Amino acid sequence: MAVGSSLAISQADFSSDGTEIYASFVDGTIKILDASNLEPLCRVDPTAYIPLPPLQVSVCIWW
């Protein structure tokens, strides 16, 4: 498991130069980690790329 996370990693890949690790977690979170010490460099919440379901809005028009 990555530093600072209690969730399991679902997939991970190294950057092309090997200095970063891109890890996705079972909750949909993505983290970019420094490959030398596993310190988080960036975190992307699932709400940034997974659209929310449309709101159910009831509309009443009175004439």
PDB file of N, CA and C in Angstrom:
ATOM      1  N   MET A   1       0.829  -1.173   0.000  1.00  0.00           N
ATOM      2  CA  MET A   1       0.000   0.000   0.000  1.00  0.00           C
ATOM      3  C   MET A   1       0.873   1.235   0.000  1.00  0.00           C
ATOM      4  N   ALA A   2       0.384   2.264  -0.619  1.00  0.00           N
ATOM      5  CA  ALA A   2       1.151   3.507  -0.710  1.00  0.00           C
ATOM      6  C   ALA A   2       1.136   4.245   0.620  1.00  0.00           C
ATOM      7  N   VAL A   3       2.120   5.064   0.794  1.00  0.00           N
ATOM      8  CA  VAL A   3       2.221   5.875   2.000  1.00  0.00           C
ATOM      9  C   VAL A   3       0.999   6.778   2.109  1.00  0.00           C
ATOM     10  N   GLY A   4       0.374   6.822   3.288  1.00  0.00           N
ATOM     11  CA  GLY A   4      -0.752   7.714   3.504  1.00  0.00           C
ATOM     12  C   GLY A   4      -2.074   7.197   2.980  1.00  0.00           C
ATOM     13  N   SER A   5      -2.161   5.910   2.679  1.00  0.00           N
ATOM     14  CA  SER A   5      -3.405   5.365   2.166  1.00  0.00           C
ATOM     15  C   SER A   5      -3.704   4.052   2.868  1.00  0.00           C
ATOM     16  N   SER A   6      -4.972   3.829   3.178  1.00  0.00           N
ATOM     17  CA  SER A   6      -5.370   2.558   3.766  1.00  0.00           C
ATOM     18  C   SER A   6      -6.100   1.696   2.745  1.00  0.00           C
ATOM     19  N   LEU A   7      -6.201   2.183   1.513  1.00  0.00           N
ATOM     20  CA  LEU A   7      -6.882   1.444   0.459  1.00  0.00           C
ATOM     21  C   LEU A   7      -5.890   0.664  -0.388  1.00  0.00           C
ATOM     22  N   ALA A   8      -6.365  -0.419  -0.962  1.00  0.00           N
ATOM     23  CA  ALA A   8      -5.523  -1.235  -1.830  1.00  0.00           C
ATOM     24  C   ALA A   8      -5.314  -0.547  -3.174  1.00  0.00           C
ATOM     25  N   ILE A   9      -4.132  -0.727  -3.724  1.00  0.00           N
ATOM     26  CA  ILE A   9      -3.818  -0.215  -5.059  1.00  0.00           C
ATOM     27  C   ILE A   9      -4.402  -1.181  -6.081  1.00  0.00           C
ATOM     28  N   SER A  10      -5.154  -0.661  -7.041  1.00  0.00           N
ATOM     29  CA  SER A  10      -5.732  -1.512  -8.076  1.00  0.00           C
ATOM     30  C   SER A  10      -4.822  -1.626  -9.289  1.00  0.00           C
ATOM     31  N   GLN A  11      -3.992  -0.610  -9.526  1.00  0.00           N
ATOM     32  CA  GLN A  11      -3.052  -0.636 -10.647  1.00  0.00           C
ATOM     33  C   GLN A  11      -1.980   0.412 -10.407  1.00  0.00           C
ATOM     34  N   ALA A  12      -0.759   0.126 -10.889  1.00  0.00           N
ATOM     35  CA  ALA A  12       0.332   1.093 -10.752  1.00  0.00           C
ATOM     36  C   ALA A  12       1.284   0.947 -11.927  1.00  0.00           C
ATOM     37  N   ASP A  13       1.854   2.065 -12.369  1.00  0.00           N
ATOM     38  CA  ASP A  13       2.814   2.101 -13.471  1.00  0.00           C
ATOM     39  C   ASP A  13       3.880   3.137 -13.169  1.00  0.00           C
ATOM     40  N   PHE A  14       5.085   2.896 -13.688  1.00  0.00           N
ATOM     41  CA  PHE A  14       6.167   3.871 -13.592  1.00  0.00           C
ATOM     42  C   PHE A  14       6.054   4.880 -14.725  1.00  0.00           C
ATOM     43  N   SER A  15       6.515   6.099 -14.479  1.00  0.00           N
ATOM     44  CA  SER A  15       6.630   7.097 -15.544  1.00  0.00           C
ATOM     45  C   SER A  15       7.717   6.637 -16.502  1.00  0.00           C
ATOM     46  N   SER A  16       7.767   7.227 -17.685  1.00  0.00           N
ATOM     47  CA  SER A  16       8.739   6.801 -18.699  1.00  0.00           C
ATOM     48  C   SER A  16      10.180   6.995 -18.252  1.00  0.00           C
ATOM     49  N   ASP A  17      10.441   7.982 -17.388  1.00  0.00           N
ATOM     50  CA  ASP A  17      11.812   8.184 -16.904  1.00  0.00           C
ATOM     51  C   ASP A  17      12.074   7.475 -15.571  1.00  0.00           C
ATOM     52  N   GLY A  18      11.058   6.791 -15.024  1.00  0.00           N
ATOM     53  CA  GLY A  18      11.225   6.004 -13.813  1.00  0.00           C
ATOM     54  C   GLY A  18      11.266   6.784 -12.517  1.00  0.00           C
ATOM     55  N   THR A  19      10.974   8.078 -12.561  1.00  0.00           N
ATOM     56  CA  THR A  19      11.061   8.894 -11.348  1.00  0.00           C
ATOM     57  C   THR A  19       9.741   8.993 -10.591  1.00  0.00           C
ATOM     58  N   GLU A  20       8.638   8.615 -11.232  1.00  0.00           N
ATOM     59  CA  GLU A  20       7.324   8.712 -10.605  1.00  0.00           C
ATOM     60  C   GLU A  20       6.561   7.408 -10.778  1.00  0.00           C
ATOM     61  N   ILE A  21       5.647   7.166  -9.855  1.00  0.00           N
ATOM     62  CA  ILE A  21       4.740   6.027  -9.937  1.00  0.00           C
ATOM     63  C   ILE A  21       3.329   6.584  -9.984  1.00  0.00           C
ATOM     64  N   TYR A  22       2.545   6.113 -10.948  1.00  0.00           N
ATOM     65  CA  TYR A  22       1.142   6.494 -11.057  1.00  0.00           C
ATOM     66  C   TYR A  22       0.331   5.332 -10.494  1.00  0.00           C
ATOM     67  N   ALA A  23      -0.395   5.564  -9.419  1.00  0.00           N
ATOM     68  CA  ALA A  23      -1.143   4.499  -8.759  1.00  0.00           C
ATOM     69  C   ALA A  23      -2.620   4.851  -8.699  1.00  0.00           C
ATOM     70  N   SER A  24      -3.459   3.872  -9.047  1.00  0.00           N
ATOM     71  CA  SER A  24      -4.899   4.054  -8.891  1.00  0.00           C
ATOM     72  C   SER A  24      -5.364   3.120  -7.777  1.00  0.00           C
ATOM     73  N   PHE A  25      -6.317   3.600  -7.002  1.00  0.00           N
ATOM     74  CA  PHE A  25      -6.797   2.872  -5.841  1.00  0.00           C
ATOM     75  C   PHE A  25      -8.214   2.387  -6.075  1.00  0.00           C
ATOM     76  N   VAL A  26      -8.652   1.426  -5.258  1.00  0.00           N
ATOM     77  CA  VAL A  26      -9.963   0.814  -5.455  1.00  0.00           C
ATOM     78  C   VAL A  26     -11.120   1.802  -5.315  1.00  0.00           C
ATOM     79  N   ASP A  27     -10.910   2.931  -4.652  1.00  0.00           N
ATOM     80  CA  ASP A  27     -11.980   3.934  -4.536  1.00  0.00           C
ATOM     81  C   ASP A  27     -11.999   4.911  -5.711  1.00  0.00           C
ATOM     82  N   GLY A  28     -11.092   4.730  -6.690  1.00  0.00           N
ATOM     83  CA  GLY A  28     -11.032   5.600  -7.859  1.00  0.00           C
ATOM     84  C   GLY A  28     -10.031   6.726  -7.745  1.00  0.00           C
ATOM     85  N   THR A  29      -9.421   6.910  -6.583  1.00  0.00           N
ATOM     86  CA  THR A  29      -8.410   7.945  -6.396  1.00  0.00           C
ATOM     87  C   THR A  29      -7.154   7.589  -7.182  1.00  0.00           C
ATOM     88  N   ILE A  30      -6.503   8.594  -7.735  1.00  0.00           N
ATOM     89  CA  ILE A  30      -5.225   8.422  -8.425  1.00  0.00           C
ATOM     90  C   ILE A  30      -4.187   9.237  -7.674  1.00  0.00           C
ATOM     91  N   LYS A  31      -3.015   8.641  -7.449  1.00  0.00           N
ATOM     92  CA  LYS A  31      -1.920   9.367  -6.807  1.00  0.00           C
ATOM     93  C   LYS A  31      -0.674   9.242  -7.664  1.00  0.00           C
ATOM     94  N   ILE A  32       0.084  10.326  -7.718  1.00  0.00           N
ATOM     95  CA  ILE A  32       1.405  10.306  -8.334  1.00  0.00           C
ATOM     96  C   ILE A  32       2.396  10.339  -7.182  1.00  0.00           C
ATOM     97  N   LEU A  33       3.282   9.343  -7.145  1.00  0.00           N
ATOM     98  CA  LEU A  33       4.229   9.189  -6.052  1.00  0.00           C
ATOM     99  C   LEU A  33       5.651   9.330  -6.557  1.00  0.00           C
ATOM    100  N   ASP A  34       6.524   9.855  -5.729  1.00  0.00           N
ATOM    101  CA  ASP A  34       7.953   9.895  -6.026  1.00  0.00           C
ATOM    102  C   ASP A  34       8.468   8.461  -5.912  1.00  0.00           C
ATOM    103  N   ALA A  35       9.069   7.929  -6.961  1.00  0.00           N
ATOM    104  CA  ALA A  35       9.514   6.535  -6.976  1.00  0.00           C
ATOM    105  C   ALA A  35      10.643   6.265  -5.992  1.00  0.00           C
ATOM    106  N   SER A  36      11.412   7.264  -5.620  1.00  0.00           N
ATOM    107  CA  SER A  36      12.554   7.032  -4.733  1.00  0.00           C
ATOM    108  C   SER A  36      12.157   6.885  -3.265  1.00  0.00           C
ATOM    109  N   ASN A  37      11.029   7.499  -2.862  1.00  0.00           N
ATOM    110  CA  ASN A  37      10.658   7.448  -1.448  1.00  0.00           C
ATOM    111  C   ASN A  37       9.152   7.243  -1.207  1.00  0.00           C
ATOM    112  N   LEU A  38       8.380   7.086  -2.263  1.00  0.00           N
ATOM    113  CA  LEU A  38       6.925   6.891  -2.228  1.00  0.00           C
ATOM    114  C   LEU A  38       6.158   8.055  -1.608  1.00  0.00           C
ATOM    115  N   GLU A  39       6.768   9.225  -1.560  1.00  0.00           N
ATOM    116  CA  GLU A  39       6.068  10.420  -1.082  1.00  0.00           C
ATOM    117  C   GLU A  39       5.053  10.859  -2.134  1.00  0.00           C
ATOM    118  N   PRO A  40       3.813  11.160  -1.723  1.00  0.00           N
ATOM    119  CA  PRO A  40       2.813  11.628  -2.682  1.00  0.00           C
ATOM    120  C   PRO A  40       3.186  12.993  -3.264  1.00  0.00           C
ATOM    121  N   LEU A  41       3.112  13.108  -4.577  1.00  0.00           N
ATOM    122  CA  LEU A  41       3.364  14.375  -5.269  1.00  0.00           C
ATOM    123  C   LEU A  41       2.057  15.046  -5.674  1.00  0.00           C
ATOM    124  N   CYS A  42       1.041  14.227  -5.939  1.00  0.00           N
ATOM    125  CA  CYS A  42      -0.232  14.748  -6.428  1.00  0.00           C
ATOM    126  C   CYS A  42      -1.315  13.718  -6.138  1.00  0.00           C
ATOM    127  N   ARG A  43      -2.524  14.212  -5.893  1.00  0.00           N
ATOM    128  CA  ARG A  43      -3.673  13.337  -5.672  1.00  0.00           C
ATOM    129  C   ARG A  43      -4.825  13.839  -6.519  1.00  0.00           C
ATOM    130  N   VAL A  44      -5.487  12.921  -7.218  1.00  0.00           N
ATOM    131  CA  VAL A  44      -6.639  13.272  -8.045  1.00  0.00           C
ATOM    132  C   VAL A  44      -7.848  12.511  -7.505  1.00  0.00           C
ATOM    133  N   ASP A  45      -8.852  13.248  -7.044  1.00  0.00           N
ATOM    134  CA  ASP A  45     -10.081  12.629  -6.548  1.00  0.00           C
ATOM    135  C   ASP A  45     -10.919  12.141  -7.722  1.00  0.00           C
ATOM    136  N   PRO A  46     -11.683  11.061  -7.529  1.00  0.00           N
ATOM    137  CA  PRO A  46     -12.519  10.538  -8.612  1.00  0.00           C
ATOM    138  C   PRO A  46     -13.524  11.551  -9.154  1.00  0.00           C
ATOM    139  N   THR A  47     -13.959  12.490  -8.321  1.00  0.00           N
ATOM    140  CA  THR A  47     -14.939  13.478  -8.788  1.00  0.00           C
ATOM    141  C   THR A  47     -14.358  14.401  -9.851  1.00  0.00           C
ATOM    142  N   ALA A  48     -13.041  14.407 -10.006  1.00  0.00           N
ATOM    143  CA  ALA A  48     -12.410  15.241 -11.026  1.00  0.00           C
ATOM    144  C   ALA A  48     -12.568  14.649 -12.421  1.00  0.00           C
ATOM    145  N   TYR A  49     -12.796  13.338 -12.512  1.00  0.00           N
ATOM    146  CA  TYR A  49     -12.882  12.721 -13.838  1.00  0.00           C
ATOM    147  C   TYR A  49     -14.060  11.765 -14.007  1.00  0.00           C
ATOM    148  N   ILE A  50     -14.787  11.459 -12.940  1.00  0.00           N
ATOM    149  CA  ILE A  50     -15.981  10.629 -13.051  1.00  0.00           C
ATOM    150  C   ILE A  50     -17.188  11.551 -12.890  1.00  0.00           C
ATOM    151  N   PRO A  51     -18.025  11.645 -13.916  1.00  0.00           N
ATOM    152  CA  PRO A  51     -19.162  12.561 -13.815  1.00  0.00           C
ATOM    153  C   PRO A  51     -20.159  12.099 -12.750  1.00  0.00           C
ATOM    154  N   LEU A  52     -20.739  13.064 -12.074  1.00  0.00           N
ATOM    155  CA  LEU A  52     -21.777  12.763 -11.101  1.00  0.00           C
ATOM    156  C   LEU A  52     -23.068  12.446 -11.837  1.00  0.00           C
ATOM    157  N   PRO A  53     -23.924  11.621 -11.234  1.00  0.00           N
ATOM    158  CA  PRO A  53     -25.201  11.335 -11.899  1.00  0.00           C
ATOM    159  C   PRO A  53     -26.038  12.609 -11.996  1.00  0.00           C
ATOM    160  N   PRO A  54     -26.875  12.701 -13.023  1.00  0.00           N
ATOM    161  CA  PRO A  54     -27.699  13.909 -13.171  1.00  0.00           C
ATOM    162  C   PRO A  54     -28.662  14.058 -11.993  1.00  0.00           C
ATOM    163  N   LEU A  55     -28.927  15.299 -11.647  1.00  0.00           N
ATOM    164  CA  LEU A  55     -29.876  15.575 -10.573  1.00  0.00           C
ATOM    165  C   LEU A  55     -31.288  15.276 -11.042  1.00  0.00           C
ATOM    166  N   GLN A  56     -32.080  14.731 -10.158  1.00  0.00           N
ATOM    167  CA  GLN A  56     -33.484  14.476 -10.463  1.00  0.00           C
ATOM    168  C   GLN A  56     -34.266  15.699  -9.998  1.00  0.00           C
ATOM    169  N   VAL A  57     -34.719  16.482 -10.950  1.00  0.00           N
ATOM    170  CA  VAL A  57     -35.427  17.718 -10.625  1.00  0.00           C
ATOM    171  C   VAL A  57     -36.861  17.604 -11.119  1.00  0.00           C
ATOM    172  N   SER A  58     -37.781  17.875 -10.230  1.00  0.00           N
ATOM    173  CA  SER A  58     -39.193  17.904 -10.611  1.00  0.00           C
ATOM    174  C   SER A  58     -39.571  19.348 -10.920  1.00  0.00           C
ATOM    175  N   VAL A  59     -40.201  19.549 -12.049  1.00  0.00           N
ATOM    176  CA  VAL A  59     -40.601  20.892 -12.450  1.00  0.00           C
ATOM    177  C   VAL A  59     -42.117  20.914 -12.608  1.00  0.00           C
ATOM    178  N   CYS A  60     -42.734  21.851 -11.935  1.00  0.00           N
ATOM    179  CA  CYS A  60     -44.175  22.053 -12.075  1.00  0.00           C
ATOM    180  C   CYS A  60     -44.407  23.422 -12.702  1.00  0.00           C
ATOM    181  N   ILE A  61     -45.191  23.451 -13.756  1.00  0.00           N
ATOM    182  CA  ILE A  61     -45.527  24.718 -14.406  1.00  0.00           C
ATOM    183  C   ILE A  61     -47.018  24.954 -14.208  1.00  0.00           C
ATOM    184  N   TRP A  62     -47.329  26.063 -13.583  1.00  0.00           N
ATOM    185  CA  TRP A  62     -48.718  26.420 -13.335  1.00  0.00           C
ATOM    186  C   TRP A  62     -49.141  27.493 -14.335  1.00  0.00           C
ATOM    187  N   TRP A  63     -50.223  27.246 -15.009  1.00  0.00           N
ATOM    188  CA  TRP A  63     -50.745  28.211 -15.989  1.00  0.00           C
ATOM    189  C   TRP A  63     -51.917  28.927 -15.448  1.00  0.00           C
TER     190      TRP A  63
END
